[in-house]
Amino acid sequence: MQNPFGKKFYNGAPKAEGRFFPVAHLSEIQWKGQKAEQTGRLDPITFLTAIRDGVVIR
């Protein structure tokens, strides 16, 4: 996010404060109905489908 004065913020604080944290990760990817270790390149719609069908850990 950038304020009107051009200063950038990340998670509501300047980047130097390092307030970055993961919000979730996939513990399992489902590809074509089966568990997959990797998928290769995916277009945006297929990527979202793989996430939807996978197991997301929050």
N, C-alpha and C. Protein backbone atom coordinates (compact mmCIF):
# COMPACT_ATOMS: atom_id res chain seq x y z
N MET A 1 0.84 -1.16 0.00
CA MET A 1 0.00 0.00 0.00
C MET A 1 0.90 1.23 0.00
N GLN A 2 0.45 2.26 -0.68
CA GLN A 2 1.24 3.48 -0.73
C GLN A 2 0.35 4.64 -0.27
N ASN A 3 0.88 5.48 0.63
CA ASN A 3 0.10 6.62 1.10
C ASN A 3 0.22 7.78 0.10
N PRO A 4 -0.56 8.86 0.28
CA PRO A 4 -0.52 9.97 -0.67
C PRO A 4 0.84 10.65 -0.79
N PHE A 5 1.73 10.46 0.19
CA PHE A 5 3.06 11.08 0.15
C PHE A 5 4.10 10.18 -0.51
N GLY A 6 3.68 9.02 -1.01
CA GLY A 6 4.58 8.13 -1.72
C GLY A 6 5.28 7.10 -0.85
N LYS A 7 5.00 7.07 0.44
CA LYS A 7 5.63 6.10 1.33
C LYS A 7 4.87 4.78 1.25
N LYS A 8 5.62 3.68 1.10
CA LYS A 8 5.00 2.37 0.96
C LYS A 8 4.90 1.66 2.31
N PHE A 9 3.78 0.99 2.50
CA PHE A 9 3.53 0.23 3.72
C PHE A 9 3.24 -1.22 3.38
N TYR A 10 3.67 -2.11 4.24
CA TYR A 10 3.43 -3.55 4.11
C TYR A 10 2.84 -4.02 5.43
N ASN A 11 1.64 -4.57 5.39
CA ASN A 11 0.93 -4.98 6.60
C ASN A 11 0.80 -3.81 7.58
N GLY A 12 0.60 -2.61 7.05
CA GLY A 12 0.38 -1.43 7.88
C GLY A 12 1.61 -0.78 8.47
N ALA A 13 2.80 -1.23 8.08
CA ALA A 13 4.04 -0.66 8.64
C ALA A 13 5.07 -0.51 7.52
N PRO A 14 6.09 0.34 7.74
CA PRO A 14 7.16 0.46 6.74
C PRO A 14 7.86 -0.90 6.52
N LYS A 15 8.35 -1.11 5.31
CA LYS A 15 9.01 -2.37 4.96
C LYS A 15 10.16 -2.70 5.92
N ALA A 16 10.87 -1.69 6.41
CA ALA A 16 12.03 -1.90 7.29
C ALA A 16 11.66 -2.62 8.59
N GLU A 17 10.39 -2.55 9.00
CA GLU A 17 9.97 -3.22 10.24
C GLU A 17 9.83 -4.73 10.07
N GLY A 18 9.82 -5.21 8.82
CA GLY A 18 9.79 -6.66 8.57
C GLY A 18 8.54 -7.37 9.05
N ARG A 19 7.40 -6.73 8.94
CA ARG A 19 6.15 -7.35 9.40
C ARG A 19 5.54 -8.23 8.32
N PHE A 20 6.33 -9.16 7.80
CA PHE A 20 5.86 -10.08 6.78
C PHE A 20 5.64 -11.44 7.41
N PHE A 21 4.59 -12.11 7.06
CA PHE A 21 4.33 -13.44 7.59
C PHE A 21 3.46 -14.20 6.60
N PRO A 22 3.65 -15.50 6.51
CA PRO A 22 2.81 -16.30 5.62
C PRO A 22 1.39 -16.39 6.17
N VAL A 23 0.44 -16.43 5.30
CA VAL A 23 -0.95 -16.53 5.74
C VAL A 23 -1.51 -17.94 5.57
N ALA A 24 -0.90 -18.74 4.72
CA ALA A 24 -1.36 -20.12 4.52
C ALA A 24 -0.36 -20.85 3.62
N HIS A 25 -0.48 -22.16 3.57
CA HIS A 25 0.29 -22.95 2.62
C HIS A 25 -0.52 -24.19 2.26
N LEU A 26 -0.15 -24.82 1.16
CA LEU A 26 -0.82 -26.04 0.72
C LEU A 26 -0.06 -27.25 1.25
N SER A 27 -0.76 -28.14 1.93
CA SER A 27 -0.11 -29.36 2.37
C SER A 27 -0.32 -30.48 1.35
N GLU A 28 -1.27 -30.27 0.45
CA GLU A 28 -1.53 -31.27 -0.59
C GLU A 28 -2.10 -30.57 -1.81
N ILE A 29 -1.60 -30.94 -2.98
CA ILE A 29 -2.10 -30.40 -4.24
C ILE A 29 -2.88 -31.50 -4.95
N GLN A 30 -4.08 -31.18 -5.36
CA GLN A 30 -4.89 -32.11 -6.15
C GLN A 30 -4.81 -31.68 -7.61
N TRP A 31 -4.41 -32.60 -8.47
CA TRP A 31 -4.30 -32.30 -9.89
C TRP A 31 -4.98 -33.41 -10.67
N LYS A 32 -6.03 -33.06 -11.39
CA LYS A 32 -6.80 -34.02 -12.18
C LYS A 32 -7.32 -35.16 -11.31
N GLY A 33 -7.77 -34.81 -10.11
CA GLY A 33 -8.39 -35.79 -9.21
C GLY A 33 -7.42 -36.64 -8.41
N GLN A 34 -6.13 -36.40 -8.52
CA GLN A 34 -5.15 -37.20 -7.79
C GLN A 34 -4.17 -36.29 -7.05
N LYS A 35 -3.60 -36.80 -5.97
CA LYS A 35 -2.57 -36.08 -5.23
C LYS A 35 -1.34 -35.93 -6.12
N ALA A 36 -0.76 -34.72 -6.15
CA ALA A 36 0.39 -34.46 -7.01
C ALA A 36 1.53 -33.82 -6.22
N GLU A 37 2.75 -34.17 -6.57
CA GLU A 37 3.93 -33.54 -5.96
C GLU A 37 4.23 -32.21 -6.63
N GLN A 38 3.94 -32.11 -7.93
CA GLN A 38 4.13 -30.88 -8.67
C GLN A 38 3.17 -30.86 -9.85
N THR A 39 2.93 -29.68 -10.39
CA THR A 39 1.97 -29.56 -11.49
C THR A 39 2.58 -29.04 -12.78
N GLY A 40 3.72 -28.38 -12.69
CA GLY A 40 4.23 -27.68 -13.86
C GLY A 40 3.52 -26.35 -13.99
N ARG A 41 3.63 -25.72 -15.14
CA ARG A 41 3.01 -24.41 -15.35
C ARG A 41 1.50 -24.54 -15.43
N LEU A 42 0.81 -23.58 -14.81
CA LEU A 42 -0.64 -23.56 -14.82
C LEU A 42 -1.13 -22.17 -15.21
N ASP A 43 -2.23 -22.12 -15.97
CA ASP A 43 -2.85 -20.84 -16.25
C ASP A 43 -3.60 -20.40 -14.98
N PRO A 44 -3.99 -19.15 -14.88
CA PRO A 44 -4.61 -18.66 -13.64
C PRO A 44 -5.85 -19.44 -13.18
N ILE A 45 -6.73 -19.81 -14.07
CA ILE A 45 -7.94 -20.54 -13.69
C ILE A 45 -7.58 -21.94 -13.17
N THR A 46 -6.68 -22.62 -13.84
CA THR A 46 -6.26 -23.96 -13.41
C THR A 46 -5.54 -23.88 -12.07
N PHE A 47 -4.73 -22.85 -11.87
CA PHE A 47 -4.04 -22.64 -10.61
C PHE A 47 -5.04 -22.51 -9.46
N LEU A 48 -6.06 -21.67 -9.65
CA LEU A 48 -7.08 -21.49 -8.62
C LEU A 48 -7.86 -22.78 -8.36
N THR A 49 -8.09 -23.56 -9.39
CA THR A 49 -8.76 -24.85 -9.21
C THR A 49 -7.90 -25.81 -8.39
N ALA A 50 -6.60 -25.83 -8.66
CA ALA A 50 -5.69 -26.70 -7.91
C ALA A 50 -5.66 -26.30 -6.44
N ILE A 51 -5.69 -25.01 -6.15
CA ILE A 51 -5.71 -24.55 -4.77
C ILE A 51 -7.04 -24.92 -4.10
N ARG A 52 -8.13 -24.70 -4.83
CA ARG A 52 -9.46 -25.01 -4.28
C ARG A 52 -9.57 -26.49 -3.91
N ASP A 53 -9.05 -27.36 -4.76
CA ASP A 53 -9.15 -28.80 -4.54
C ASP A 53 -8.08 -29.34 -3.62
N GLY A 54 -7.05 -28.55 -3.31
CA GLY A 54 -5.97 -28.98 -2.42
C GLY A 54 -6.34 -28.80 -0.95
N VAL A 55 -5.39 -29.14 -0.09
CA VAL A 55 -5.57 -28.99 1.35
C VAL A 55 -4.79 -27.76 1.80
N VAL A 56 -5.50 -26.71 2.20
CA VAL A 56 -4.89 -25.45 2.62
C VAL A 56 -4.77 -25.44 4.14
N ILE A 57 -3.58 -25.15 4.65
CA ILE A 57 -3.32 -25.05 6.08
C ILE A 57 -3.19 -23.56 6.42
N ARG A 58 -3.98 -23.08 7.35
CA ARG A 58 -3.93 -21.66 7.74
C ARG A 58 -3.36 -21.51 9.11
